């Protein structure tokens, strides 16, 4: 059970990192 939770947390962090990268790229392009 714990391993599943850790995997979900890693997936969540990956999604968040992807969103942050997209937002940073957009802000750079908008400048």
PDB file of N, CA and C in Angstrom:
ATOM      1  N   UNK A   1       0.846  -1.204   0.000  1.00  0.00           N
ATOM      2  CA  UNK A   1       0.000   0.000   0.000  1.00  0.00           C
ATOM      3  C   UNK A   1       0.881   1.255   0.000  1.00  0.00           C
ATOM      4  N   UNK A   2       1.908   1.270   0.850  1.00  0.00           N
ATOM      5  CA  UNK A   2       2.782   2.456   0.922  1.00  0.00           C
ATOM      6  C   UNK A   2       3.473   2.715  -0.405  1.00  0.00           C
ATOM      7  N   UNK A   3       3.901   1.652  -1.077  1.00  0.00           N
ATOM      8  CA  UNK A   3       4.589   1.837  -2.359  1.00  0.00           C
ATOM      9  C   UNK A   3       3.651   2.518  -3.359  1.00  0.00           C
ATOM     10  N   UNK A   4       2.382   2.115  -3.348  1.00  0.00           N
ATOM     11  CA  UNK A   4       1.419   2.734  -4.274  1.00  0.00           C
ATOM     12  C   UNK A   4       1.299   4.226  -4.003  1.00  0.00           C
ATOM     13  N   UNK A   5       1.226   4.584  -2.728  1.00  0.00           N
ATOM     14  CA  UNK A   5       1.095   6.002  -2.368  1.00  0.00           C
ATOM     15  C   UNK A   5       2.334   6.766  -2.836  1.00  0.00           C
ATOM     16  N   UNK A   6       3.516   6.182  -2.653  1.00  0.00           N
ATOM     17  CA  UNK A   6       4.745   6.865  -3.065  1.00  0.00           C
ATOM     18  C   UNK A   6       4.756   7.069  -4.576  1.00  0.00           C
ATOM     19  N   UNK A   7       4.307   6.061  -5.333  1.00  0.00           N
ATOM     20  CA  UNK A   7       4.267   6.182  -6.793  1.00  0.00           C
ATOM     21  C   UNK A   7       3.303   7.299  -7.187  1.00  0.00           C
ATOM     22  N   UNK A   8       2.136   7.357  -6.526  1.00  0.00           N
ATOM     23  CA  UNK A   8       1.168   8.413  -6.839  1.00  0.00           C
ATOM     24  C   UNK A   8       1.770   9.781  -6.539  1.00  0.00           C
ATOM     25  N   UNK A   9       2.501   9.889  -5.440  1.00  0.00           N
ATOM     26  CA  UNK A   9       3.128  11.170  -5.098  1.00  0.00           C
ATOM     27  C   UNK A   9       4.145  11.560  -6.168  1.00  0.00           C
ATOM     28  N   UNK A  10       4.922  10.599  -6.663  1.00  0.00           N
ATOM     29  CA  UNK A  10       5.896  10.895  -7.712  1.00  0.00           C
ATOM     30  C   UNK A  10       5.174  11.344  -8.979  1.00  0.00           C
ATOM     31  N   UNK A  11       4.082  10.660  -9.342  1.00  0.00           N
ATOM     32  CA  UNK A  11       3.318  11.053 -10.525  1.00  0.00           C
ATOM     33  C   UNK A  11       2.802  12.470 -10.349  1.00  0.00           C
ATOM     34  N   UNK A  12       2.303  12.787  -9.156  1.00  0.00           N
ATOM     35  CA  UNK A  12       1.753  14.122  -8.889  1.00  0.00           C
ATOM     36  C   UNK A  12       2.851  15.172  -9.031  1.00  0.00           C
ATOM     37  N   UNK A  13       4.027  14.889  -8.473  1.00  0.00           N
ATOM     38  CA  UNK A  13       5.139  15.847  -8.573  1.00  0.00           C
ATOM     39  C   UNK A  13       5.531  16.037 -10.035  1.00  0.00           C
ATOM     40  N   UNK A  14       5.499  14.962 -10.803  1.00  0.00           N
ATOM     41  CA  UNK A  14       5.834  15.066 -12.228  1.00  0.00           C
ATOM     42  C   UNK A  14       4.854  15.976 -12.948  1.00  0.00           C
ATOM     43  N   UNK A  15       3.552  15.819 -12.638  1.00  0.00           N
ATOM     44  CA  UNK A  15       2.535  16.673 -13.262  1.00  0.00           C
ATOM     45  C   UNK A  15       2.750  18.127 -12.879  1.00  0.00           C
ATOM     46  N   UNK A  16       3.005  18.366 -11.606  1.00  0.00           N
ATOM     47  CA  UNK A  16       3.217  19.745 -11.137  1.00  0.00           C
ATOM     48  C   UNK A  16       4.440  20.344 -11.819  1.00  0.00           C
ATOM     49  N   UNK A  17       5.524  19.583 -11.907  1.00  0.00           N
ATOM     50  CA  UNK A  17       6.740  20.081 -12.546  1.00  0.00           C
ATOM     51  C   UNK A  17       6.462  20.410 -14.010  1.00  0.00           C
ATOM     52  N   UNK A  18       5.682  19.560 -14.686  1.00  0.00           N
ATOM     53  CA  UNK A  18       5.338  19.808 -16.084  1.00  0.00           C
ATOM     54  C   UNK A  18       4.544  21.092 -16.232  1.00  0.00           C
ATOM     55  N   UNK A  19       3.573  21.306 -15.341  1.00  0.00           N
ATOM     56  CA  UNK A  19       2.763  22.527 -15.400  1.00  0.00           C
ATOM     57  C   UNK A  19       3.636  23.748 -15.159  1.00  0.00           C
ATOM     58  N   UNK A  20       4.534  23.682 -14.190  1.00  0.00           N
ATOM     59  CA  UNK A  20       5.419  24.818 -13.893  1.00  0.00           C
ATOM     60  C   UNK A  20       6.293  25.109 -15.112  1.00  0.00           C
ATOM     61  N   UNK A  21       6.837  24.074 -15.745  1.00  0.00           N
ATOM     62  CA  UNK A  21       7.669  24.279 -16.931  1.00  0.00           C
ATOM     63  C   UNK A  21       6.865  24.988 -18.014  1.00  0.00           C
ATOM     64  N   UNK A  22       5.620  24.556 -18.245  1.00  0.00           N
ATOM     65  CA  UNK A  22       4.784  25.182 -19.271  1.00  0.00           C
ATOM     66  C   UNK A  22       4.537  26.645 -18.944  1.00  0.00           C
ATOM     67  N   UNK A  23       4.225  26.929 -17.676  1.00  0.00           N
ATOM     68  CA  UNK A  23       3.953  28.314 -17.272  1.00  0.00           C
ATOM     69  C   UNK A  23       5.204  29.165 -17.450  1.00  0.00           C
ATOM     70  N   UNK A  24       6.367  28.645 -17.090  1.00  0.00           N
ATOM     71  CA  UNK A  24       7.616  29.404 -17.237  1.00  0.00           C
ATOM     72  C   UNK A  24       7.891  29.685 -18.707  1.00  0.00           C
ATOM     73  N   UNK A  25       7.682  28.696 -19.570  1.00  0.00           N
ATOM     74  CA  UNK A  25       7.902  28.885 -21.007  1.00  0.00           C
ATOM     75  C   UNK A  25       6.952  29.962 -21.529  1.00  0.00           C
ATOM     76  N   UNK A  26       5.683  29.920 -21.110  1.00  0.00           N
ATOM     77  CA  UNK A  26       4.707  30.922 -21.558  1.00  0.00           C
ATOM     78  C   UNK A  26       5.131  32.319 -21.129  1.00  0.00           C
ATOM     79  N   UNK A  27       5.563  32.471 -19.875  1.00  0.00           N
ATOM     80  CA  UNK A  27       5.954  33.795 -19.374  1.00  0.00           C
ATOM     81  C   UNK A  27       7.179  34.304 -20.133  1.00  0.00           C
ATOM     82  N   UNK A  28       8.102  33.427 -20.490  1.00  0.00           N
ATOM     83  CA  UNK A  28       9.294  33.847 -21.246  1.00  0.00           C
ATOM     84  C   UNK A  28       8.862  34.314 -22.640  1.00  0.00           C
ATOM     85  N   UNK A  29       7.970  33.577 -23.280  1.00  0.00           N
ATOM     86  CA  UNK A  29       7.499  33.941 -24.625  1.00  0.00           C
ATOM     87  C   UNK A  29       6.742  35.265 -24.576  1.00  0.00           C
ATOM     88  N   UNK A  30       5.941  35.469 -23.523  1.00  0.00           N
ATOM     89  CA  UNK A  30       5.144  36.696 -23.409  1.00  0.00           C
ATOM     90  C   UNK A  30       6.031  37.919 -23.200  1.00  0.00           C
ATOM     91  N   UNK A  31       7.201  37.746 -22.605  1.00  0.00           N
ATOM     92  CA  UNK A  31       8.118  38.880 -22.427  1.00  0.00           C
ATOM     93  C   UNK A  31       8.703  39.218 -23.781  1.00  0.00           C
TER      94      UNK A  31
END
